[in-house]
Structures are given as C-alpha cells and as structure tokens.
Amino acid sequence: MSVSEVTVAVVVVTYNSERLLPEFLTALGPGLRGLSWHLTIADNASADGTVATLRRLASDATVVEMGRNAGYAAGINAAVAAAPPFTAVLVLNPDVRLEPRCVETLLAALDTTGTGIAVPHIVDGAGTLIPTLRREPTILRTLGDAFLGARRAGRYPSLGEVVTDEGRYLTEAVTDWAEGSTMLISAECWRRCAPWEESFFLYSEETDFALRARDAGFATRYTPAARAVHLEGDSRQSPKLWALLTLNRVRLYRRRHGVLPAIGFWGALLLRETTRAALGRQPSVMATRALLSPARLREVPGPHTVHPVG
C-alpha cells in the first residue's frame, strides 16, 4: 500500500497527563511526517488540565471524555471507536516521543506478509535501550526468571520471557508480543482481533491482544529502523501497580490455558515474588500478598483497586 493511501488513527489514553502533552504533541508531526493521520484521545477523567491543554494545543484532535478512570484497554477501544476511517491504528502512550518518520517505517513493516502489528526500537530518556520484545509467558520462563533473574534468563529463549540480548535488537524480527507503548496495528488485524480486553484494566491487555492476533495469523514485527523514546511508567517502583501486573499475568494465563495449568503458573510467580520479597523488595511484598489472596485473584481490576492510569 502506498503512503498516499494510508490514514493513521493515532489513539492515546490520558490521565493527569498535562505535563507530558506539549512535547508529545510536538513529536507527532515529525514522527508521522508524510502521512495522513488524525489524533483521538480518550481521557480517563483527569483532574488536572489535560483536557483543556489538549483542546488548546491540538484543536483538530478528537477528545473522548470517559467520565471515569475506565482503564487503558477501555480508553483504547473508545478512542478507536471515535476515530475517523483508518487503514492503521497507532497506539501511543503520552510519555512516548516519536523520532522522525518512525511511523512511515513501521508502515513499511506492516506491509510484510502476515504482519498485523509493527513495533519500533525504543530507548529511555537517557538513550538506553528498553528491552521491549517478549516471548509468550510459560511456567518454565517464569521459573527461569525466579532463579536466574529476568536479564540472565532472557538470553535463553526457553527460560526468559523478556528478550534481553541486545544483539536481538539490531535486526528486524517477529516476536510473540511487545511492550505496548508504541504499536502500529493494521486495520484488518484490528477488525478481526479487537477489542482490547477491558477486564485487565491495566497491564496484560497488550499481551492478550498480540497473542490473540498471532493466533489469528497476524505476527508482531519488530522494526529497529523505526525509533521512539519512552519515558516509562512506574510499575516496578509502585507496589500496587506491580501487584496488579502480577495478578493480571495469572488471569491472562488462565484465560489462555485453563484453571489447572494456571495453578502451576501461579505457583511459579509466587516463588519468584516471595524470593524477592525476602530481600525486602516492597513491590514483591505486595505482589506476594495479592497472589495469596483468593479475593484478589477473583476480582476484576478497576479504579478502586489500583492507581489511576496515566
């Protein structure tokens, strides 16, 4: 498909994101240079000046006011539903800064046969590689993480979920899934695999979508020539967010494999978190408590259980 035939729906979920917006919006133009695109933002009831800033700095954008903190997946679904017709969906976090022509490069990758999702090379604010590529969660990979640590285990495909070998980030590759701050999704992949699963509220929704897309024949393709900066959130620093992330991993595994295999996965996660909790790591302390709480494992996440999405 030629660039002139493409219209990109840029969709973003915000929550108290006012301070991030000026630089984010400034980077959109260079990042989407040469393309037709439209910005749609779903705001999860921000209490700061997020909506006013959007209307001032991006007057042509569509702003969907959710009226509540509905979660990340719900915001993505609402933004796409409100977007004009598109040939591709670009999912972005407000703390992402696109490098020039990032999306044009991702579009070229999306044209590769069998590709439904394209993701870029991502660095943090200091320019350090963020290992965004992931393998499908398994019990063995969770145990590898528990005993070896994520960085060491990630060097071995059977033992690590996070791809940590920096050499793997030098060339284009297909991956099971990828960190979801910057994802270009073809319209056909979206039509066949959407919506994103809103019951996760936050974390695992992009894993679920990418794995379901893979199951339907749509690969996730990593494209190192496309570049972006992600200033990153605080899931590893926030005990509550880390606990939610951990619980959602169990929920996702149960959805894909059933109850009995999920018990084994839960046990592997519990081992990982208890060993780290014993070292005094507070996020793992809270994650351990959550894993040992039948009520927490059963509940559907929502704004009453976690920090707001932002």
C-alpha atoms as a PDB file:
ATOM      1  CA  MET A   1       0.000   0.000   0.000  1.00  0.00           C
ATOM      2  CA  SER A   2       1.415   3.421  -0.934  1.00  0.00           C
ATOM      3  CA  VAL A   3       1.831   6.097   1.712  1.00  0.00           C
ATOM      4  CA  SER A   4      -0.751   8.273  -0.054  1.00  0.00           C
ATOM      5  CA  GLU A   5      -3.413   5.606   0.543  1.00  0.00           C
ATOM      6  CA  VAL A   6      -2.778   5.374   4.296  1.00  0.00           C
ATOM      7  CA  THR A   7      -4.692   7.144   7.040  1.00  0.00           C
ATOM      8  CA  VAL A   8      -3.372   6.509  10.539  1.00  0.00           C
ATOM      9  CA  ALA A   9      -5.657   6.705  13.562  1.00  0.00           C
ATOM     10  CA  VAL A  10      -3.371   7.867  16.397  1.00  0.00           C
ATOM     11  CA  VAL A  11      -5.024   6.819  19.665  1.00  0.00           C
ATOM     12  CA  VAL A  12      -3.872   7.838  23.143  1.00  0.00           C
ATOM     13  CA  VAL A  13      -5.185   7.332  26.674  1.00  0.00           C
ATOM     14  CA  THR A  14      -4.514  10.110  29.181  1.00  0.00           C
ATOM     15  CA  TYR A  15      -4.907  10.546  32.920  1.00  0.00           C
ATOM     16  CA  ASN A  16      -3.475  13.689  34.528  1.00  0.00           C
ATOM     17  CA  SER A  17      -1.039  13.862  31.623  1.00  0.00           C
ATOM     18  CA  GLU A  18      -0.941  17.646  31.207  1.00  0.00           C
ATOM     19  CA  ARG A  19       2.819  17.994  31.749  1.00  0.00           C
ATOM     20  CA  LEU A  20       3.572  15.363  29.086  1.00  0.00           C
ATOM     21  CA  LEU A  21       1.417  16.778  26.329  1.00  0.00           C
ATOM     22  CA  PRO A  22       3.412  19.689  24.846  1.00  0.00           C
ATOM     23  CA  GLU A  23       6.458  17.550  23.961  1.00  0.00           C
ATOM     24  CA  PHE A  24       4.288  14.584  22.992  1.00  0.00           C
ATOM     25  CA  LEU A  25       2.230  16.621  20.553  1.00  0.00           C
ATOM     26  CA  THR A  26       5.291  18.359  19.127  1.00  0.00           C
ATOM     27  CA  ALA A  27       6.879  14.992  18.290  1.00  0.00           C
ATOM     28  CA  LEU A  28       3.803  13.706  16.446  1.00  0.00           C
ATOM     29  CA  GLY A  29       4.366  15.807  13.345  1.00  0.00           C
ATOM     30  CA  PRO A  30       7.929  14.617  12.625  1.00  0.00           C
ATOM     31  CA  GLY A  31       7.071  11.070  13.698  1.00  0.00           C
ATOM     32  CA  LEU A  32       4.172  10.907  11.233  1.00  0.00           C
ATOM     33  CA  ARG A  33       5.767  13.034   8.502  1.00  0.00           C
ATOM     34  CA  GLY A  34       4.436  12.350   5.019  1.00  0.00           C
ATOM     35  CA  LEU A  35       1.320  10.560   6.270  1.00  0.00           C
ATOM     36  CA  SER A  36      -2.353  11.375   6.633  1.00  0.00           C
ATOM     37  CA  TRP A  37      -3.332  10.995  10.286  1.00  0.00           C
ATOM     38  CA  HIS A  38      -5.806  12.009  12.936  1.00  0.00           C
ATOM     39  CA  LEU A  39      -5.381  12.154  16.702  1.00  0.00           C
ATOM     40  CA  THR A  40      -8.016  10.758  19.073  1.00  0.00           C
ATOM     41  CA  ILE A  41      -7.508  10.923  22.837  1.00  0.00           C
ATOM     42  CA  ALA A  42      -9.554   9.096  25.463  1.00  0.00           C
ATOM     43  CA  ASP A  43      -9.210  10.877  28.794  1.00  0.00           C
ATOM     44  CA  ASN A  44      -9.838   8.868  31.952  1.00  0.00           C
ATOM     45  CA  ALA A  45     -11.357  11.715  33.999  1.00  0.00           C
ATOM     46  CA  SER A  46      -8.171  13.727  34.512  1.00  0.00           C
ATOM     47  CA  ALA A  47      -8.256  16.102  37.478  1.00  0.00           C
ATOM     48  CA  ASP A  48      -5.570  18.410  36.083  1.00  0.00           C
ATOM     49  CA  GLY A  49      -5.608  20.498  32.907  1.00  0.00           C
ATOM     50  CA  THR A  50      -5.178  17.591  30.489  1.00  0.00           C
ATOM     51  CA  VAL A  51      -8.390  18.125  28.536  1.00  0.00           C
ATOM     52  CA  ALA A  52      -8.044  21.922  28.409  1.00  0.00           C
ATOM     53  CA  THR A  53      -4.439  21.575  27.223  1.00  0.00           C
ATOM     54  CA  LEU A  54      -5.469  19.117  24.520  1.00  0.00           C
ATOM     55  CA  ARG A  55      -8.180  21.434  23.256  1.00  0.00           C
ATOM     56  CA  ARG A  56      -5.726  24.338  23.230  1.00  0.00           C
ATOM     57  CA  LEU A  57      -2.702  22.628  21.680  1.00  0.00           C
ATOM     58  CA  ALA A  58      -4.479  20.057  19.468  1.00  0.00           C
ATOM     59  CA  SER A  59      -7.704  21.728  18.430  1.00  0.00           C
ATOM     60  CA  ASP A  60      -8.183  19.331  15.495  1.00  0.00           C
ATOM     61  CA  ALA A  61      -7.990  16.246  17.697  1.00  0.00           C
ATOM     62  CA  THR A  62     -10.993  14.264  18.866  1.00  0.00           C
ATOM     63  CA  VAL A  63     -11.188  14.123  22.656  1.00  0.00           C
ATOM     64  CA  VAL A  64     -13.319  11.398  24.245  1.00  0.00           C
ATOM     65  CA  GLU A  65     -14.046  12.198  27.883  1.00  0.00           C
ATOM     66  CA  MET A  66     -14.577   8.813  29.541  1.00  0.00           C
ATOM     67  CA  GLY A  67     -16.140  10.334  32.677  1.00  0.00           C
ATOM     68  CA  ARG A  68     -14.288   7.848  34.901  1.00  0.00           C
ATOM     69  CA  ASN A  69     -10.974   6.074  35.162  1.00  0.00           C
ATOM     70  CA  ALA A  70     -12.067   3.266  32.869  1.00  0.00           C
ATOM     71  CA  GLY A  71      -8.658   1.669  32.336  1.00  0.00           C
ATOM     72  CA  TYR A  72      -6.192   1.570  29.488  1.00  0.00           C
ATOM     73  CA  ALA A  73      -7.890  -1.001  27.267  1.00  0.00           C
ATOM     74  CA  ALA A  74     -11.276   0.720  27.594  1.00  0.00           C
ATOM     75  CA  GLY A  75      -9.671   4.005  26.618  1.00  0.00           C
ATOM     76  CA  ILE A  76      -8.010   2.469  23.551  1.00  0.00           C
ATOM     77  CA  ASN A  77     -11.272   0.880  22.455  1.00  0.00           C
ATOM     78  CA  ALA A  78     -13.203   4.130  22.938  1.00  0.00           C
ATOM     79  CA  ALA A  79     -10.609   6.168  21.052  1.00  0.00           C
ATOM     80  CA  VAL A  80     -10.585   3.802  18.073  1.00  0.00           C
ATOM     81  CA  ALA A  81     -14.393   3.748  18.011  1.00  0.00           C
ATOM     82  CA  ALA A  82     -14.433   7.563  17.853  1.00  0.00           C
ATOM     83  CA  ALA A  83     -11.684   7.848  15.217  1.00  0.00           C
ATOM     84  CA  PRO A  84     -12.412   8.625  11.547  1.00  0.00           C
ATOM     85  CA  PRO A  85     -11.894   5.815   8.987  1.00  0.00           C
ATOM     86  CA  PHE A  86      -8.355   4.459   9.037  1.00  0.00           C
ATOM     87  CA  THR A  87      -6.037   1.966   7.404  1.00  0.00           C
ATOM     88  CA  ALA A  88      -3.869   1.552  10.523  1.00  0.00           C
ATOM     89  CA  VAL A  89      -4.119   2.272  14.255  1.00  0.00           C
ATOM     90  CA  LEU A  90      -1.162   3.755  16.126  1.00  0.00           C
ATOM     91  CA  VAL A  91      -1.455   3.107  19.867  1.00  0.00           C
ATOM     92  CA  LEU A  92       0.716   5.542  21.847  1.00  0.00           C
ATOM     93  CA  ASN A  93       1.352   6.377  25.471  1.00  0.00           C
ATOM     94  CA  PRO A  94       1.536  10.108  26.227  1.00  0.00           C
ATOM     95  CA  ASP A  95       5.082   9.654  27.545  1.00  0.00           C
ATOM     96  CA  VAL A  96       6.310   8.418  24.137  1.00  0.00           C
ATOM     97  CA  ARG A  97       8.286  10.713  21.845  1.00  0.00           C
ATOM     98  CA  LEU A  98       8.316   9.570  18.220  1.00  0.00           C
ATOM     99  CA  GLU A  99      11.525  10.009  16.262  1.00  0.00           C
ATOM    100  CA  PRO A 100      11.220  11.483  12.726  1.00  0.00           C
ATOM    101  CA  ARG A 101       9.496   9.175  10.188  1.00  0.00           C
ATOM    102  CA  CYS A 102       9.024   6.460  12.810  1.00  0.00           C
ATOM    103  CA  VAL A 103       5.508   5.625  11.643  1.00  0.00           C
ATOM    104  CA  GLU A 104       6.341   5.600   7.927  1.00  0.00           C
ATOM    105  CA  THR A 105       8.987   2.973   8.703  1.00  0.00           C
ATOM    106  CA  LEU A 106       6.515   0.952  10.767  1.00  0.00           C
ATOM    107  CA  LEU A 107       4.025   1.081   7.890  1.00  0.00           C
ATOM    108  CA  ALA A 108       6.590  -0.475   5.575  1.00  0.00           C
ATOM    109  CA  ALA A 109       6.996  -3.321   8.082  1.00  0.00           C
ATOM    110  CA  LEU A 110       3.238  -3.687   8.303  1.00  0.00           C
ATOM    111  CA  ASP A 111       3.189  -4.417   4.560  1.00  0.00           C
ATOM    112  CA  THR A 112       5.254  -7.561   5.156  1.00  0.00           C
ATOM    113  CA  THR A 113       3.069 -10.610   4.526  1.00  0.00           C
ATOM    114  CA  GLY A 114       1.498 -11.990   7.697  1.00  0.00           C
ATOM    115  CA  THR A 115       2.250  -8.904   9.807  1.00  0.00           C
ATOM    116  CA  GLY A 116      -0.555  -7.336  11.825  1.00  0.00           C
ATOM    117  CA  ILE A 117       1.403  -5.325  14.401  1.00  0.00           C
ATOM    118  CA  ALA A 118       4.641  -3.375  13.953  1.00  0.00           C
ATOM    119  CA  VAL A 119       6.715  -2.022  16.850  1.00  0.00           C
ATOM    120  CA  PRO A 120       9.817   0.201  16.911  1.00  0.00           C
ATOM    121  CA  HIS A 121      13.186   0.273  18.636  1.00  0.00           C
ATOM    122  CA  ILE A 122      12.570   2.083  21.924  1.00  0.00           C
ATOM    123  CA  VAL A 123      15.019   3.813  24.251  1.00  0.00           C
ATOM    124  CA  ASP A 124      14.507   5.598  27.553  1.00  0.00           C
ATOM    125  CA  GLY A 125      15.044   9.283  28.203  1.00  0.00           C
ATOM    126  CA  ALA A 126      18.788   8.718  28.591  1.00  0.00           C
ATOM    127  CA  GLY A 127      19.031   6.915  25.248  1.00  0.00           C
ATOM    128  CA  THR A 128      19.412   3.435  26.767  1.00  0.00           C
ATOM    129  CA  LEU A 129      17.729   0.505  25.019  1.00  0.00           C
ATOM    130  CA  ILE A 130      14.478  -0.636  26.599  1.00  0.00           C
ATOM    131  CA  PRO A 131      14.121  -4.406  26.058  1.00  0.00           C
ATOM    132  CA  THR A 132      10.572  -4.375  24.685  1.00  0.00           C
ATOM    133  CA  LEU A 133      10.418  -7.751  22.933  1.00  0.00           C
ATOM    134  CA  ARG A 134       8.650 -10.564  24.724  1.00  0.00           C
ATOM    135  CA  ARG A 135       8.142 -14.312  24.414  1.00  0.00           C
ATOM    136  CA  GLU A 136       4.861 -15.950  25.369  1.00  0.00           C
ATOM    137  CA  PRO A 137       4.538 -16.440  29.151  1.00  0.00           C
ATOM    138  CA  THR A 138       5.178 -20.023  30.283  1.00  0.00           C
ATOM    139  CA  ILE A 139       5.759 -21.756  33.589  1.00  0.00           C
ATOM    140  CA  LEU A 140       9.359 -22.573  32.646  1.00  0.00           C
ATOM    141  CA  ARG A 141      10.108 -18.964  31.691  1.00  0.00           C
ATOM    142  CA  THR A 142       8.645 -17.742  34.961  1.00  0.00           C
ATOM    143  CA  LEU A 143      10.823 -20.201  36.870  1.00  0.00           C
ATOM    144  CA  GLY A 144      13.826 -19.088  34.828  1.00  0.00           C
ATOM    145  CA  ASP A 145      13.105 -15.514  35.867  1.00  0.00           C
ATOM    146  CA  ALA A 146      12.762 -16.625  39.509  1.00  0.00           C
ATOM    147  CA  PHE A 147      16.076 -18.482  39.653  1.00  0.00           C
ATOM    148  CA  LEU A 148      18.234 -16.560  37.172  1.00  0.00           C
ATOM    149  CA  GLY A 149      16.682 -13.107  37.126  1.00  0.00           C
ATOM    150  CA  ALA A 150      14.988 -11.584  34.096  1.00  0.00           C
ATOM    151  CA  ARG A 151      18.153 -10.284  32.461  1.00  0.00           C
ATOM    152  CA  ARG A 152      20.100 -13.564  32.574  1.00  0.00           C
ATOM    153  CA  ALA A 153      17.085 -15.762  31.805  1.00  0.00           C
ATOM    154  CA  GLY A 154      16.120 -13.569  28.858  1.00  0.00           C
ATOM    155  CA  ARG A 155      19.247 -14.613  26.961  1.00  0.00           C
ATOM    156  CA  TYR A 156      17.769 -18.097  26.572  1.00  0.00           C
ATOM    157  CA  PRO A 157      14.514 -18.450  24.597  1.00  0.00           C
ATOM    158  CA  SER A 158      13.189 -21.318  26.706  1.00  0.00           C
ATOM    159  CA  LEU A 159      13.998 -19.680  30.057  1.00  0.00           C
ATOM    160  CA  GLY A 160      13.158 -15.993  29.710  1.00  0.00           C
ATOM    161  CA  GLU A 161      10.109 -14.018  28.667  1.00  0.00           C
ATOM    162  CA  VAL A 162      11.893 -10.685  28.172  1.00  0.00           C
ATOM    163  CA  VAL A 163      14.340 -10.728  25.263  1.00  0.00           C
ATOM    164  CA  THR A 164      17.420  -9.199  26.903  1.00  0.00           C
ATOM    165  CA  ASP A 165      20.146  -9.977  24.354  1.00  0.00           C
ATOM    166  CA  GLU A 166      20.903  -6.558  22.871  1.00  0.00           C
ATOM    167  CA  GLY A 167      22.065  -8.196  19.651  1.00  0.00           C
ATOM    168  CA  ARG A 168      18.473  -9.273  19.011  1.00  0.00           C
ATOM    169  CA  TYR A 169      17.504  -5.596  18.765  1.00  0.00           C
ATOM    170  CA  LEU A 170      19.793  -4.911  15.805  1.00  0.00           C
ATOM    171  CA  THR A 171      17.744  -6.642  13.119  1.00  0.00           C
ATOM    172  CA  GLU A 172      14.091  -6.939  12.164  1.00  0.00           C
ATOM    173  CA  ALA A 173      12.358  -9.906  13.785  1.00  0.00           C
ATOM    174  CA  VAL A 174       8.986 -11.441  14.617  1.00  0.00           C
ATOM    175  CA  THR A 175       8.192 -11.633  18.335  1.00  0.00           C
ATOM    176  CA  ASP A 176       5.336 -13.179  20.321  1.00  0.00           C
ATOM    177  CA  TRP A 177       4.401  -9.778  21.710  1.00  0.00           C
ATOM    178  CA  ALA A 178       5.974  -6.467  22.627  1.00  0.00           C
ATOM    179  CA  GLU A 179       5.647  -3.719  25.202  1.00  0.00           C
ATOM    180  CA  GLY A 180       2.583  -1.756  24.214  1.00  0.00           C
ATOM    181  CA  SER A 181       3.561   1.906  24.486  1.00  0.00           C
ATOM    182  CA  THR A 182       4.019   2.222  20.699  1.00  0.00           C
ATOM    183  CA  MET A 183       2.190  -0.202  18.412  1.00  0.00           C
ATOM    184  CA  LEU A 184       1.039   0.180  14.816  1.00  0.00           C
ATOM    185  CA  ILE A 185      -1.847  -2.180  14.062  1.00  0.00           C
ATOM    186  CA  SER A 186      -3.278  -2.850  10.612  1.00  0.00           C
ATOM    187  CA  ALA A 187      -6.962  -2.164  10.092  1.00  0.00           C
ATOM    188  CA  GLU A 188      -7.521  -5.813   9.182  1.00  0.00           C
ATOM    189  CA  CYS A 189      -5.818  -7.015  12.360  1.00  0.00           C
ATOM    190  CA  TRP A 190      -7.879  -4.584  14.401  1.00  0.00           C
ATOM    191  CA  ARG A 191     -11.112  -5.628  12.692  1.00  0.00           C
ATOM    192  CA  ARG A 192     -10.522  -9.333  13.299  1.00  0.00           C
ATOM    193  CA  CYS A 193      -8.943  -9.236  16.772  1.00  0.00           C
ATOM    194  CA  ALA A 194     -10.349  -6.171  18.570  1.00  0.00           C
ATOM    195  CA  PRO A 195     -11.495  -5.023  21.023  1.00  0.00           C
ATOM    196  CA  TRP A 196      -8.777  -4.998  23.650  1.00  0.00           C
ATOM    197  CA  GLU A 197      -9.823  -6.927  26.732  1.00  0.00           C
ATOM    198  CA  GLU A 198     -11.105  -4.335  29.194  1.00  0.00           C
ATOM    199  CA  SER A 199     -11.256  -6.635  32.226  1.00  0.00           C
ATOM    200  CA  PHE A 200      -7.476  -6.343  32.628  1.00  0.00           C
ATOM    201  CA  PHE A 201      -7.866  -2.594  33.344  1.00  0.00           C
ATOM    202  CA  LEU A 202      -4.095  -2.074  33.173  1.00  0.00           C
ATOM    203  CA  TYR A 203      -1.261  -4.469  32.164  1.00  0.00           C
ATOM    204  CA  SER A 204      -1.550  -7.685  30.110  1.00  0.00           C
ATOM    205  CA  GLU A 205      -4.059  -6.131  27.714  1.00  0.00           C
ATOM    206  CA  GLU A 206      -1.417  -5.673  25.017  1.00  0.00           C
ATOM    207  CA  THR A 207      -0.105  -9.192  25.689  1.00  0.00           C
ATOM    208  CA  ASP A 208      -3.582 -10.617  25.274  1.00  0.00           C
ATOM    209  CA  PHE A 209      -4.210  -8.680  22.062  1.00  0.00           C
ATOM    210  CA  ALA A 210      -0.875  -9.561  20.437  1.00  0.00           C
ATOM    211  CA  LEU A 211      -1.182 -13.247  21.309  1.00  0.00           C
ATOM    212  CA  ARG A 212      -4.737 -13.383  20.008  1.00  0.00           C
ATOM    213  CA  ALA A 213      -3.564 -11.617  16.859  1.00  0.00           C
ATOM    214  CA  ARG A 214      -0.781 -14.181  16.469  1.00  0.00           C
ATOM    215  CA  ASP A 215      -3.317 -16.980  16.932  1.00  0.00           C
ATOM    216  CA  ALA A 216      -5.339 -15.426  14.077  1.00  0.00           C
ATOM    217  CA  GLY A 217      -2.291 -15.277  11.795  1.00  0.00           C
ATOM    218  CA  PHE A 218      -1.129 -11.704  12.441  1.00  0.00           C
ATOM    219  CA  ALA A 219       2.510 -11.516  13.552  1.00  0.00           C
ATOM    220  CA  THR A 220       4.087  -8.776  15.671  1.00  0.00           C
ATOM    221  CA  ARG A 221       7.137  -7.453  13.786  1.00  0.00           C
ATOM    222  CA  TYR A 222       9.960  -5.542  15.464  1.00  0.00           C
ATOM    223  CA  THR A 223      11.471  -2.874  13.212  1.00  0.00           C
ATOM    224  CA  PRO A 224      14.730  -1.364  14.514  1.00  0.00           C
ATOM    225  CA  ALA A 225      14.839   1.348  11.833  1.00  0.00           C
ATOM    226  CA  ALA A 226      11.735   2.888  13.439  1.00  0.00           C
ATOM    227  CA  ARG A 227      12.682   4.711  16.623  1.00  0.00           C
ATOM    228  CA  ALA A 228      10.902   6.171  19.639  1.00  0.00           C
ATOM    229  CA  VAL A 229      11.671   7.340  23.169  1.00  0.00           C
ATOM    230  CA  HIS A 230       9.589   6.078  26.085  1.00  0.00           C
ATOM    231  CA  LEU A 231       9.959   7.987  29.339  1.00  0.00           C
ATOM    232  CA  GLU A 232       8.299   4.975  31.053  1.00  0.00           C
ATOM    233  CA  GLY A 233       5.847   4.485  33.903  1.00  0.00           C
ATOM    234  CA  ASP A 234       6.392   3.272  37.435  1.00  0.00           C
ATOM    235  CA  SER A 235       5.091  -0.305  37.603  1.00  0.00           C
ATOM    236  CA  ARG A 236       8.377  -1.600  39.054  1.00  0.00           C
ATOM    237  CA  GLN A 237       8.557   1.200  41.605  1.00  0.00           C
ATOM    238  CA  SER A 238       4.894   1.180  42.647  1.00  0.00           C
ATOM    239  CA  PRO A 239       3.963  -1.788  44.852  1.00  0.00           C
ATOM    240  CA  LYS A 240       0.273  -1.510  43.922  1.00  0.00           C
ATOM    241  CA  LEU A 241       0.960  -1.425  40.204  1.00  0.00           C
ATOM    242  CA  TRP A 242       3.430  -4.310  40.414  1.00  0.00           C
ATOM    243  CA  ALA A 243       0.853  -6.360  42.327  1.00  0.00           C
ATOM    244  CA  LEU A 244      -1.742  -5.663  39.619  1.00  0.00           C
ATOM    245  CA  LEU A 245       0.724  -6.542  36.870  1.00  0.00           C
ATOM    246  CA  THR A 246       1.484  -9.842  38.627  1.00  0.00           C
ATOM    247  CA  LEU A 247      -2.175 -10.712  39.173  1.00  0.00           C
ATOM    248  CA  ASN A 248      -3.026  -9.943  35.572  1.00  0.00           C
ATOM    249  CA  ARG A 249      -0.330 -12.333  34.411  1.00  0.00           C
ATOM    250  CA  VAL A 250      -2.163 -15.118  36.243  1.00  0.00           C
ATOM    251  CA  ARG A 251      -5.511 -14.011  34.799  1.00  0.00           C
ATOM    252  CA  LEU A 252      -4.116 -13.967  31.277  1.00  0.00           C
ATOM    253  CA  TYR A 253      -2.530 -17.389  31.643  1.00  0.00           C
ATOM    254  CA  ARG A 254      -5.800 -18.785  32.987  1.00  0.00           C
ATOM    255  CA  ARG A 255      -7.748 -17.315  30.062  1.00  0.00           C
ATOM    256  CA  ARG A 256      -5.412 -18.956  27.563  1.00  0.00           C
ATOM    257  CA  HIS A 257      -4.666 -22.300  29.241  1.00  0.00           C
ATOM    258  CA  GLY A 258      -7.386 -23.076  31.775  1.00  0.00           C
ATOM    259  CA  VAL A 259      -7.508 -23.423  35.550  1.00  0.00           C
ATOM    260  CA  LEU A 260      -5.164 -26.356  36.230  1.00  0.00           C
ATOM    261  CA  PRO A 261      -2.194 -25.061  34.175  1.00  0.00           C
ATOM    262  CA  ALA A 262      -2.804 -21.634  35.698  1.00  0.00           C
ATOM    263  CA  ILE A 263      -2.255 -23.098  39.172  1.00  0.00           C
ATOM    264  CA  GLY A 264       1.255 -24.113  38.100  1.00  0.00           C
ATOM    265  CA  PHE A 265       1.867 -20.664  36.627  1.00  0.00           C
ATOM    266  CA  TRP A 266       0.582 -19.050  39.839  1.00  0.00           C
ATOM    267  CA  GLY A 267       2.989 -21.208  41.853  1.00  0.00           C
ATOM    268  CA  ALA A 268       5.938 -20.163  39.694  1.00  0.00           C
ATOM    269  CA  LEU A 269       5.029 -16.493  40.086  1.00  0.00           C
ATOM    270  CA  LEU A 270       4.565 -16.921  43.820  1.00  0.00           C
ATOM    271  CA  LEU A 271       8.041 -18.438  44.079  1.00  0.00           C
ATOM    272  CA  ARG A 272       9.520 -15.544  42.144  1.00  0.00           C
ATOM    273  CA  GLU A 273       7.806 -12.869  44.226  1.00  0.00           C
ATOM    274  CA  THR A 274       8.387 -14.483  47.630  1.00  0.00           C
ATOM    275  CA  THR A 275      12.124 -14.825  46.992  1.00  0.00           C
ATOM    276  CA  ARG A 276      12.307 -11.157  46.076  1.00  0.00           C
ATOM    277  CA  ALA A 277      10.068 -10.159  48.956  1.00  0.00           C
ATOM    278  CA  ALA A 278      12.513 -11.921  51.291  1.00  0.00           C
ATOM    279  CA  LEU A 279      15.139  -9.451  50.045  1.00  0.00           C
ATOM    280  CA  GLY A 280      12.930  -6.582  51.170  1.00  0.00           C
ATOM    281  CA  ARG A 281      11.605  -5.518  47.786  1.00  0.00           C
ATOM    282  CA  GLN A 282       8.305  -3.827  48.570  1.00  0.00           C
ATOM    283  CA  PRO A 283       6.630  -4.342  45.160  1.00  0.00           C
ATOM    284  CA  SER A 284       7.215  -8.089  45.581  1.00  0.00           C
ATOM    285  CA  VAL A 285       5.919  -7.978  49.149  1.00  0.00           C
ATOM    286  CA  MET A 286       2.611  -6.576  47.884  1.00  0.00           C
ATOM    287  CA  ALA A 287       2.554  -8.933  44.898  1.00  0.00           C
ATOM    288  CA  THR A 288       3.025 -11.914  47.236  1.00  0.00           C
ATOM    289  CA  ARG A 289       0.121 -10.782  49.394  1.00  0.00           C
ATOM    290  CA  ALA A 290      -2.038 -10.354  46.298  1.00  0.00           C
ATOM    291  CA  LEU A 291      -1.160 -13.800  44.954  1.00  0.00           C
ATOM    292  CA  LEU A 292      -2.080 -15.347  48.307  1.00  0.00           C
ATOM    293  CA  SER A 293      -5.446 -13.573  48.407  1.00  0.00           C
ATOM    294  CA  PRO A 294      -8.274 -15.589  46.786  1.00  0.00           C
ATOM    295  CA  ALA A 295     -10.377 -12.427  46.697  1.00  0.00           C
ATOM    296  CA  ARG A 296      -7.708 -10.505  44.764  1.00  0.00           C
ATOM    297  CA  LEU A 297      -7.298 -13.344  42.270  1.00  0.00           C
ATOM    298  CA  ARG A 298     -11.048 -13.430  41.632  1.00  0.00           C
ATOM    299  CA  GLU A 299     -11.778  -9.715  41.404  1.00  0.00           C
ATOM    300  CA  VAL A 300     -11.945  -7.797  38.143  1.00  0.00           C
ATOM    301  CA  PRO A 301      -9.450  -4.923  38.361  1.00  0.00           C
ATOM    302  CA  GLY A 302     -10.772  -1.404  38.377  1.00  0.00           C
ATOM    303  CA  PRO A 303     -10.060   2.085  39.645  1.00  0.00           C
ATOM    304  CA  HIS A 304     -10.952   1.017  43.172  1.00  0.00           C
ATOM    305  CA  THR A 305      -8.051  -1.449  43.267  1.00  0.00           C
ATOM    306  CA  VAL A 306      -5.154   0.378  41.609  1.00  0.00           C
ATOM    307  CA  HIS A 307      -3.637   3.745  40.950  1.00  0.00           C
ATOM    308  CA  PRO A 308      -5.206   5.693  38.090  1.00  0.00           C
ATOM    309  CA  VAL A 309      -3.995   5.154  34.564  1.00  0.00           C
ATOM    310  CA  GLY A 310      -1.587   7.826  33.381  1.00  0.00           C
END
